[in-house]
Amino acid sequence: GIVALMLSANSQLTPTHVREMLSDTARDVERGATGLGDTALAGHDWATGAGFVDAFAACSRASQTP
């Protein structure tokens, strides 16, 4: 759904653009762990990836990208 919103804001986005924007605008999760023992750290990690998706920030970035 968020990707559809991003594409409605900018139909010229490539899959790479979308992936980078979602990752760059995500809210980082710095605490917690998975059942497999992966620990959340600052930045991208195995426990939480890039973090929580921020749909507003991703769509804002999409609309500002030429």
N, C-alpha and C. Protein backbone atom coordinates (compact mmCIF):
# COMPACT_ATOMS: atom_id res chain seq x y z
N GLY A 1 0.80 -1.19 0.00
CA GLY A 1 0.00 0.00 0.00
C GLY A 1 0.85 1.26 0.00
N ILE A 2 1.94 1.25 0.79
CA ILE A 2 2.80 2.43 0.86
C ILE A 2 3.49 2.66 -0.47
N VAL A 3 3.91 1.59 -1.12
CA VAL A 3 4.55 1.74 -2.43
C VAL A 3 3.57 2.33 -3.43
N ALA A 4 2.31 1.93 -3.37
CA ALA A 4 1.30 2.50 -4.27
C ALA A 4 1.15 4.00 -4.01
N LEU A 5 1.17 4.42 -2.75
CA LEU A 5 1.11 5.85 -2.44
C LEU A 5 2.33 6.58 -2.97
N MET A 6 3.50 5.97 -2.82
CA MET A 6 4.72 6.59 -3.32
C MET A 6 4.66 6.74 -4.84
N LEU A 7 4.18 5.72 -5.52
CA LEU A 7 4.08 5.79 -6.98
C LEU A 7 3.01 6.77 -7.44
N SER A 8 1.97 6.98 -6.63
CA SER A 8 0.98 7.99 -7.00
C SER A 8 1.55 9.39 -6.84
N ALA A 9 2.53 9.53 -5.93
CA ALA A 9 3.20 10.83 -5.76
C ALA A 9 4.24 11.05 -6.85
N ASN A 10 4.83 9.96 -7.35
CA ASN A 10 5.86 10.07 -8.38
C ASN A 10 5.90 8.76 -9.17
N SER A 11 5.28 8.76 -10.32
CA SER A 11 5.17 7.54 -11.13
C SER A 11 6.48 7.15 -11.81
N GLN A 12 7.51 7.99 -11.73
CA GLN A 12 8.79 7.71 -12.37
C GLN A 12 9.76 6.93 -11.48
N LEU A 13 9.36 6.59 -10.27
CA LEU A 13 10.25 5.88 -9.35
C LEU A 13 10.54 4.47 -9.85
N THR A 14 11.78 4.07 -9.70
CA THR A 14 12.16 2.69 -10.04
C THR A 14 12.08 1.85 -8.77
N PRO A 15 12.11 0.53 -8.90
CA PRO A 15 12.13 -0.31 -7.70
C PRO A 15 13.30 0.02 -6.77
N THR A 16 14.44 0.36 -7.34
CA THR A 16 15.60 0.73 -6.52
C THR A 16 15.33 2.01 -5.74
N HIS A 17 14.73 3.02 -6.40
CA HIS A 17 14.37 4.26 -5.71
C HIS A 17 13.45 3.96 -4.53
N VAL A 18 12.42 3.16 -4.77
CA VAL A 18 11.43 2.85 -3.74
C VAL A 18 12.11 2.17 -2.55
N ARG A 19 12.93 1.17 -2.82
CA ARG A 19 13.61 0.43 -1.76
C ARG A 19 14.50 1.36 -0.94
N GLU A 20 15.27 2.23 -1.62
CA GLU A 20 16.16 3.14 -0.92
C GLU A 20 15.38 4.16 -0.08
N MET A 21 14.29 4.69 -0.64
CA MET A 21 13.49 5.67 0.09
C MET A 21 12.84 5.06 1.32
N LEU A 22 12.33 3.84 1.19
CA LEU A 22 11.72 3.17 2.34
C LEU A 22 12.76 2.94 3.44
N SER A 23 13.94 2.53 3.05
CA SER A 23 15.00 2.28 4.02
C SER A 23 15.51 3.57 4.65
N ASP A 24 15.72 4.60 3.83
CA ASP A 24 16.26 5.87 4.31
C ASP A 24 15.32 6.62 5.24
N THR A 25 14.01 6.45 5.05
CA THR A 25 13.04 7.20 5.85
C THR A 25 12.45 6.39 7.00
N ALA A 26 12.87 5.14 7.14
CA ALA A 26 12.36 4.29 8.22
C ALA A 26 12.80 4.81 9.59
N ARG A 27 11.97 4.58 10.60
CA ARG A 27 12.31 4.95 11.97
C ARG A 27 13.10 3.80 12.60
N ASP A 28 14.28 4.12 13.04
CA ASP A 28 15.19 3.11 13.59
C ASP A 28 14.65 2.53 14.90
N VAL A 29 14.83 1.23 15.07
CA VAL A 29 14.50 0.53 16.32
C VAL A 29 15.83 0.14 16.95
N GLU A 30 16.09 0.63 18.15
CA GLU A 30 17.40 0.43 18.77
C GLU A 30 17.39 -0.55 19.94
N ARG A 31 16.22 -1.04 20.34
CA ARG A 31 16.15 -1.97 21.47
C ARG A 31 15.30 -3.16 21.10
N GLY A 32 15.63 -4.30 21.70
CA GLY A 32 14.85 -5.51 21.49
C GLY A 32 15.69 -6.60 20.88
N ALA A 33 15.09 -7.77 20.74
CA ALA A 33 15.79 -8.92 20.17
C ALA A 33 14.77 -9.86 19.54
N THR A 34 15.24 -10.67 18.63
CA THR A 34 14.39 -11.68 18.01
C THR A 34 14.46 -12.97 18.81
N GLY A 35 13.60 -13.91 18.49
CA GLY A 35 13.63 -15.21 19.14
C GLY A 35 14.91 -15.99 18.83
N LEU A 36 15.59 -15.60 17.76
CA LEU A 36 16.84 -16.26 17.39
C LEU A 36 18.06 -15.61 18.03
N GLY A 37 17.83 -14.54 18.81
CA GLY A 37 18.92 -13.89 19.51
C GLY A 37 19.54 -12.70 18.80
N ASP A 38 19.00 -12.31 17.64
CA ASP A 38 19.51 -11.12 16.97
C ASP A 38 19.06 -9.89 17.74
N THR A 39 20.00 -9.00 18.04
CA THR A 39 19.72 -7.83 18.85
C THR A 39 19.57 -6.59 17.98
N ALA A 40 18.58 -5.77 18.30
CA ALA A 40 18.39 -4.50 17.60
C ALA A 40 19.48 -3.53 18.04
N LEU A 41 20.08 -2.86 17.08
CA LEU A 41 21.12 -1.88 17.32
C LEU A 41 20.79 -0.60 16.56
N ALA A 42 21.55 0.45 16.80
CA ALA A 42 21.38 1.67 16.02
C ALA A 42 21.72 1.38 14.56
N GLY A 43 20.89 1.86 13.65
CA GLY A 43 21.10 1.63 12.23
C GLY A 43 20.50 0.31 11.77
N HIS A 44 20.86 -0.10 10.58
CA HIS A 44 20.34 -1.33 9.98
C HIS A 44 20.93 -2.53 10.71
N ASP A 45 20.09 -3.49 11.08
CA ASP A 45 20.56 -4.69 11.77
C ASP A 45 19.69 -5.88 11.40
N TRP A 46 20.13 -7.07 11.81
CA TRP A 46 19.41 -8.31 11.47
C TRP A 46 18.09 -8.44 12.23
N ALA A 47 17.96 -7.80 13.38
CA ALA A 47 16.75 -7.94 14.18
C ALA A 47 15.58 -7.15 13.60
N THR A 48 15.84 -5.92 13.16
CA THR A 48 14.75 -5.04 12.73
C THR A 48 14.92 -4.46 11.34
N GLY A 49 15.97 -4.86 10.65
CA GLY A 49 16.22 -4.30 9.32
C GLY A 49 16.45 -2.80 9.43
N ALA A 50 15.75 -2.03 8.61
CA ALA A 50 15.89 -0.57 8.64
C ALA A 50 15.01 0.05 9.72
N GLY A 51 14.06 -0.71 10.26
CA GLY A 51 13.17 -0.19 11.30
C GLY A 51 11.72 -0.16 10.83
N PHE A 52 10.93 0.71 11.47
CA PHE A 52 9.52 0.86 11.13
C PHE A 52 9.36 1.76 9.91
N VAL A 53 8.51 1.37 8.99
CA VAL A 53 8.24 2.18 7.81
C VAL A 53 7.53 3.46 8.24
N ASP A 54 7.99 4.58 7.72
CA ASP A 54 7.34 5.88 7.94
C ASP A 54 6.71 6.28 6.61
N ALA A 55 5.43 5.96 6.44
CA ALA A 55 4.75 6.17 5.16
C ALA A 55 4.75 7.64 4.76
N PHE A 56 4.51 8.54 5.71
CA PHE A 56 4.47 9.96 5.39
C PHE A 56 5.83 10.43 4.87
N ALA A 57 6.90 10.05 5.56
CA ALA A 57 8.24 10.48 5.15
C ALA A 57 8.60 9.89 3.78
N ALA A 58 8.25 8.63 3.55
CA ALA A 58 8.56 7.99 2.27
C ALA A 58 7.80 8.66 1.12
N CYS A 59 6.54 8.97 1.33
CA CYS A 59 5.75 9.63 0.28
C CYS A 59 6.21 11.06 0.05
N SER A 60 6.60 11.73 1.11
CA SER A 60 7.14 13.09 0.97
C SER A 60 8.42 13.07 0.15
N ARG A 61 9.30 12.13 0.45
CA ARG A 61 10.54 11.99 -0.30
C ARG A 61 10.25 11.67 -1.76
N ALA A 62 9.28 10.79 -1.99
CA ALA A 62 8.93 10.42 -3.37
C ALA A 62 8.44 11.61 -4.17
N SER A 63 7.64 12.46 -3.54
CA SER A 63 7.08 13.60 -4.27
C SER A 63 8.14 14.67 -4.54
N GLN A 64 9.25 14.67 -3.81
CA GLN A 64 10.30 15.66 -3.99
C GLN A 64 11.41 15.18 -4.93
N THR A 65 11.36 13.93 -5.35
CA THR A 65 12.39 13.36 -6.20
C THR A 65 12.00 13.55 -7.67
N PRO A 66 12.92 14.14 -8.45
CA PRO A 66 12.60 14.36 -9.87
C PRO A 66 12.57 13.07 -10.68
